[in-house]
Amino acid sequence: MNVHLGPVLDEFVADLLKIGREIAIGGEQADRGQFVDGESAFDAIRKRSSARRKHVQR
């Protein structure tokens, strides 16, 4: 079954899928002892969230 979500919901779903991939990759990196600075990670999350809110408000 195909459902047309429209551009806003389509982008939202794509972002969720991307986040899921990043979490999986992050888990694999942590298993190898490779970690990301927490403050840098939260800065990136805040920037993506802000950009998404600006895009949705248009």
PDB file of N, CA and C in Angstrom:
ATOM      1  N   MET A   1       0.849  -1.171   0.000  1.00  0.00           N
ATOM      2  CA  MET A   1       0.000   0.000   0.000  1.00  0.00           C
ATOM      3  C   MET A   1       0.893   1.231   0.000  1.00  0.00           C
ATOM      4  N   ASN A   2       0.588   2.190  -0.840  1.00  0.00           N
ATOM      5  CA  ASN A   2       1.321   3.445  -0.911  1.00  0.00           C
ATOM      6  C   ASN A   2       0.454   4.558  -0.354  1.00  0.00           C
ATOM      7  N   VAL A   3       1.051   5.388   0.472  1.00  0.00           N
ATOM      8  CA  VAL A   3       0.341   6.518   1.066  1.00  0.00           C
ATOM      9  C   VAL A   3       1.155   7.772   0.805  1.00  0.00           C
ATOM     10  N   HIS A   4       0.504   8.807   0.269  1.00  0.00           N
ATOM     11  CA  HIS A   4       1.183  10.077   0.040  1.00  0.00           C
ATOM     12  C   HIS A   4       1.123  10.893   1.326  1.00  0.00           C
ATOM     13  N   LEU A   5       2.278  11.224   1.893  1.00  0.00           N
ATOM     14  CA  LEU A   5       2.336  11.944   3.157  1.00  0.00           C
ATOM     15  C   LEU A   5       2.415  13.447   2.976  1.00  0.00           C
ATOM     16  N   GLY A   6       2.813  13.882   1.832  1.00  0.00           N
ATOM     17  CA  GLY A   6       3.061  15.304   1.628  1.00  0.00           C
ATOM     18  C   GLY A   6       4.490  15.619   1.990  1.00  0.00           C
ATOM     19  N   PRO A   7       4.988  16.757   1.554  1.00  0.00           N
ATOM     20  CA  PRO A   7       6.414  17.057   1.727  1.00  0.00           C
ATOM     21  C   PRO A   7       6.845  17.197   3.183  1.00  0.00           C
ATOM     22  N   VAL A   8       6.018  17.764   4.041  1.00  0.00           N
ATOM     23  CA  VAL A   8       6.427  17.978   5.433  1.00  0.00           C
ATOM     24  C   VAL A   8       6.530  16.651   6.177  1.00  0.00           C
ATOM     25  N   LEU A   9       5.497  15.819   6.066  1.00  0.00           N
ATOM     26  CA  LEU A   9       5.547  14.524   6.755  1.00  0.00           C
ATOM     27  C   LEU A   9       6.579  13.597   6.132  1.00  0.00           C
ATOM     28  N   ASP A  10       6.756  13.689   4.817  1.00  0.00           N
ATOM     29  CA  ASP A  10       7.766  12.882   4.156  1.00  0.00           C
ATOM     30  C   ASP A  10       9.155  13.213   4.699  1.00  0.00           C
ATOM     31  N   GLU A  11       9.440  14.498   4.862  1.00  0.00           N
ATOM     32  CA  GLU A  11      10.728  14.917   5.420  1.00  0.00           C
ATOM     33  C   GLU A  11      10.865  14.474   6.875  1.00  0.00           C
ATOM     34  N   PHE A  12       9.771  14.563   7.633  1.00  0.00           N
ATOM     35  CA  PHE A  12       9.790  14.139   9.032  1.00  0.00           C
ATOM     36  C   PHE A  12      10.140  12.654   9.146  1.00  0.00           C
ATOM     37  N   VAL A  13       9.507  11.828   8.325  1.00  0.00           N
ATOM     38  CA  VAL A  13       9.791  10.388   8.351  1.00  0.00           C
ATOM     39  C   VAL A  13      11.240  10.132   7.934  1.00  0.00           C
ATOM     40  N   ALA A  14      11.706  10.843   6.922  1.00  0.00           N
ATOM     41  CA  ALA A  14      13.102  10.682   6.484  1.00  0.00           C
ATOM     42  C   ALA A  14      14.063  11.042   7.616  1.00  0.00           C
ATOM     43  N   ASP A  15      13.745  12.109   8.360  1.00  0.00           N
ATOM     44  CA  ASP A  15      14.592  12.504   9.491  1.00  0.00           C
ATOM     45  C   ASP A  15      14.599  11.430  10.578  1.00  0.00           C
ATOM     46  N   LEU A  16      13.436  10.839  10.844  1.00  0.00           N
ATOM     47  CA  LEU A  16      13.376   9.773  11.853  1.00  0.00           C
ATOM     48  C   LEU A  16      14.221   8.580  11.434  1.00  0.00           C
ATOM     49  N   LEU A  17      14.147   8.225  10.161  1.00  0.00           N
ATOM     50  CA  LEU A  17      14.952   7.109   9.671  1.00  0.00           C
ATOM     51  C   LEU A  17      16.442   7.425   9.768  1.00  0.00           C
ATOM     52  N   LYS A  18      16.808   8.664   9.462  1.00  0.00           N
ATOM     53  CA  LYS A  18      18.211   9.072   9.555  1.00  0.00           C
ATOM     54  C   LYS A  18      18.686   9.000  11.004  1.00  0.00           C
ATOM     55  N   ILE A  19      17.865   9.488  11.931  1.00  0.00           N
ATOM     56  CA  ILE A  19      18.228   9.444  13.351  1.00  0.00           C
ATOM     57  C   ILE A  19      18.418   8.002  13.803  1.00  0.00           C
ATOM     58  N   GLY A  20      17.525   7.122  13.350  1.00  0.00           N
ATOM     59  CA  GLY A  20      17.649   5.705  13.695  1.00  0.00           C
ATOM     60  C   GLY A  20      18.956   5.114  13.209  1.00  0.00           C
ATOM     61  N   ARG A  21      19.348   5.481  11.994  1.00  0.00           N
ATOM     62  CA  ARG A  21      20.634   5.001  11.468  1.00  0.00           C
ATOM     63  C   ARG A  21      21.787   5.553  12.284  1.00  0.00           C
ATOM     64  N   GLU A  22      21.698   6.830  12.670  1.00  0.00           N
ATOM     65  CA  GLU A  22      22.770   7.445  13.457  1.00  0.00           C
ATOM     66  C   GLU A  22      22.893   6.777  14.818  1.00  0.00           C
ATOM     67  N   ILE A  23      21.768   6.423  15.421  1.00  0.00           N
ATOM     68  CA  ILE A  23      21.799   5.748  16.719  1.00  0.00           C
ATOM     69  C   ILE A  23      22.454   4.384  16.575  1.00  0.00           C
ATOM     70  N   ALA A  24      22.100   3.648  15.515  1.00  0.00           N
ATOM     71  CA  ALA A  24      22.690   2.329  15.292  1.00  0.00           C
ATOM     72  C   ALA A  24      24.191   2.449  15.076  1.00  0.00           C
ATOM     73  N   ILE A  25      24.583   3.414  14.261  1.00  0.00           N
ATOM     74  CA  ILE A  25      26.013   3.617  14.002  1.00  0.00           C
ATOM     75  C   ILE A  25      26.711   4.038  15.296  1.00  0.00           C
ATOM     76  N   GLY A  26      26.067   4.905  16.076  1.00  0.00           N
ATOM     77  CA  GLY A  26      26.644   5.338  17.348  1.00  0.00           C
ATOM     78  C   GLY A  26      26.845   4.179  18.309  1.00  0.00           C
ATOM     79  N   GLY A  27      25.898   3.255  18.324  1.00  0.00           N
ATOM     80  CA  GLY A  27      26.035   2.081  19.185  1.00  0.00           C
ATOM     81  C   GLY A  27      27.204   1.217  18.772  1.00  0.00           C
ATOM     82  N   GLU A  28      27.376   1.069  17.464  1.00  0.00           N
ATOM     83  CA  GLU A  28      28.506   0.283  16.957  1.00  0.00           C
ATOM     84  C   GLU A  28      29.827   0.963  17.307  1.00  0.00           C
ATOM     85  N   GLN A  29      29.857   2.287  17.198  1.00  0.00           N
ATOM     86  CA  GLN A  29      31.075   3.025  17.540  1.00  0.00           C
ATOM     87  C   GLN A  29      31.380   2.891  19.029  1.00  0.00           C
ATOM     88  N   ALA A  30      30.362   2.968  19.861  1.00  0.00           N
ATOM     89  CA  ALA A  30      30.572   2.834  21.307  1.00  0.00           C
ATOM     90  C   ALA A  30      31.113   1.448  21.637  1.00  0.00           C
ATOM     91  N   ASP A  31      30.602   0.425  20.935  1.00  0.00           N
ATOM     92  CA  ASP A  31      31.103  -0.929  21.151  1.00  0.00           C
ATOM     93  C   ASP A  31      32.594  -1.031  20.835  1.00  0.00           C
ATOM     94  N   ARG A  32      33.059  -0.210  19.884  1.00  0.00           N
ATOM     95  CA  ARG A  32      34.476  -0.215  19.519  1.00  0.00           C
ATOM     96  C   ARG A  32      35.288   0.750  20.376  1.00  0.00           C
ATOM     97  N   GLY A  33      34.629   1.444  21.314  1.00  0.00           N
ATOM     98  CA  GLY A  33      35.343   2.390  22.174  1.00  0.00           C
ATOM     99  C   GLY A  33      35.493   3.769  21.559  1.00  0.00           C
ATOM    100  N   GLN A  34      34.740   4.050  20.499  1.00  0.00           N
ATOM    101  CA  GLN A  34      34.790   5.357  19.834  1.00  0.00           C
ATOM    102  C   GLN A  34      33.595   6.174  20.323  1.00  0.00           C
ATOM    103  N   PHE A  35      33.860   7.267  20.997  1.00  0.00           N
ATOM    104  CA  PHE A  35      32.786   8.069  21.559  1.00  0.00           C
ATOM    105  C   PHE A  35      32.798   9.472  20.987  1.00  0.00           C
ATOM    106  N   VAL A  36      31.636  10.118  21.052  1.00  0.00           N
ATOM    107  CA  VAL A  36      31.473  11.495  20.586  1.00  0.00           C
ATOM    108  C   VAL A  36      31.301  12.380  21.807  1.00  0.00           C
ATOM    109  N   ASP A  37      31.896  13.566  21.757  1.00  0.00           N
ATOM    110  CA  ASP A  37      31.728  14.525  22.834  1.00  0.00           C
ATOM    111  C   ASP A  37      30.244  14.840  23.004  1.00  0.00           C
ATOM    112  N   GLY A  38      29.737  14.704  24.212  1.00  0.00           N
ATOM    113  CA  GLY A  38      28.316  14.909  24.483  1.00  0.00           C
ATOM    114  C   GLY A  38      27.830  16.290  24.129  1.00  0.00           C
ATOM    115  N   GLU A  39      28.596  17.316  24.448  1.00  0.00           N
ATOM    116  CA  GLU A  39      28.173  18.691  24.148  1.00  0.00           C
ATOM    117  C   GLU A  39      28.071  18.905  22.642  1.00  0.00           C
ATOM    118  N   SER A  40      29.012  18.356  21.893  1.00  0.00           N
ATOM    119  CA  SER A  40      28.965  18.472  20.432  1.00  0.00           C
ATOM    120  C   SER A  40      27.744  17.761  19.870  1.00  0.00           C
ATOM    121  N   ALA A  41      27.449  16.592  20.414  1.00  0.00           N
ATOM    122  CA  ALA A  41      26.284  15.834  19.949  1.00  0.00           C
ATOM    123  C   ALA A  41      24.997  16.608  20.218  1.00  0.00           C
ATOM    124  N   PHE A  42      24.856  17.173  21.409  1.00  0.00           N
ATOM    125  CA  PHE A  42      23.646  17.931  21.726  1.00  0.00           C
ATOM    126  C   PHE A  42      23.555  19.217  20.912  1.00  0.00           C
ATOM    127  N   ASP A  43      24.678  19.854  20.615  1.00  0.00           N
ATOM    128  CA  ASP A  43      24.664  21.034  19.747  1.00  0.00           C
ATOM    129  C   ASP A  43      24.116  20.679  18.363  1.00  0.00           C
ATOM    130  N   ALA A  44      24.560  19.549  17.832  1.00  0.00           N
ATOM    131  CA  ALA A  44      24.081  19.113  16.517  1.00  0.00           C
ATOM    132  C   ALA A  44      22.581  18.822  16.556  1.00  0.00           C
ATOM    133  N   ILE A  45      22.116  18.188  17.628  1.00  0.00           N
ATOM    134  CA  ILE A  45      20.688  17.884  17.770  1.00  0.00           C
ATOM    135  C   ILE A  45      19.885  19.175  17.845  1.00  0.00           C
ATOM    136  N   ARG A  46      20.365  20.143  18.615  1.00  0.00           N
ATOM    137  CA  ARG A  46      19.658  21.429  18.738  1.00  0.00           C
ATOM    138  C   ARG A  46      19.577  22.148  17.398  1.00  0.00           C
ATOM    139  N   LYS A  47      20.658  22.119  16.631  1.00  0.00           N
ATOM    140  CA  LYS A  47      20.668  22.782  15.328  1.00  0.00           C
ATOM    141  C   LYS A  47      19.673  22.128  14.378  1.00  0.00           C
ATOM    142  N   ARG A  48      19.647  20.790  14.343  1.00  0.00           N
ATOM    143  CA  ARG A  48      18.692  20.091  13.479  1.00  0.00           C
ATOM    144  C   ARG A  48      17.265  20.381  13.902  1.00  0.00           C
ATOM    145  N   SER A  49      17.023  20.397  15.207  1.00  0.00           N
ATOM    146  CA  SER A  49      15.679  20.668  15.717  1.00  0.00           C
ATOM    147  C   SER A  49      15.236  22.076  15.359  1.00  0.00           C
ATOM    148  N   SER A  50      16.126  23.047  15.521  1.00  0.00           N
ATOM    149  CA  SER A  50      15.805  24.427  15.195  1.00  0.00           C
ATOM    150  C   SER A  50      15.508  24.585  13.707  1.00  0.00           C
ATOM    151  N   ALA A  51      16.327  23.959  12.873  1.00  0.00           N
ATOM    152  CA  ALA A  51      16.110  24.040  11.428  1.00  0.00           C
ATOM    153  C   ALA A  51      14.782  23.401  11.054  1.00  0.00           C
ATOM    154  N   ARG A  52      14.450  22.276  11.669  1.00  0.00           N
ATOM    155  CA  ARG A  52      13.184  21.601  11.388  1.00  0.00           C
ATOM    156  C   ARG A  52      12.004  22.479  11.794  1.00  0.00           C
ATOM    157  N   ARG A  53      12.095  23.115  12.961  1.00  0.00           N
ATOM    158  CA  ARG A  53      11.000  23.983  13.413  1.00  0.00           C
ATOM    159  C   ARG A  53      10.822  25.161  12.473  1.00  0.00           C
ATOM    160  N   LYS A  54      11.919  25.758  12.023  1.00  0.00           N
ATOM    161  CA  LYS A  54      11.835  26.883  11.090  1.00  0.00           C
ATOM    162  C   LYS A  54      11.192  26.459   9.788  1.00  0.00           C
ATOM    163  N   HIS A  55      11.551  25.254   9.310  1.00  0.00           N
ATOM    164  CA  HIS A  55      11.012  24.742   8.059  1.00  0.00           C
ATOM    165  C   HIS A  55       9.512  24.481   8.183  1.00  0.00           C
ATOM    166  N   VAL A  56       9.075  23.930   9.277  1.00  0.00           N
ATOM    167  CA  VAL A  56       7.669  23.588   9.492  1.00  0.00           C
ATOM    168  C   VAL A  56       6.821  24.849   9.660  1.00  0.00           C
ATOM    169  N   GLN A  57       7.371  25.900  10.251  1.00  0.00           N
ATOM    170  CA  GLN A  57       6.617  27.126  10.514  1.00  0.00           C
ATOM    171  C   GLN A  57       6.351  27.942   9.263  1.00  0.00           C
ATOM    172  N   ARG A  58       7.045  27.661   8.164  1.00  0.00           N
ATOM    173  CA  ARG A  58       6.864  28.447   6.934  1.00  0.00           C
ATOM    174  C   ARG A  58       5.517  28.269   6.344  1.00  0.00           C
TER     175      ARG A  58
END
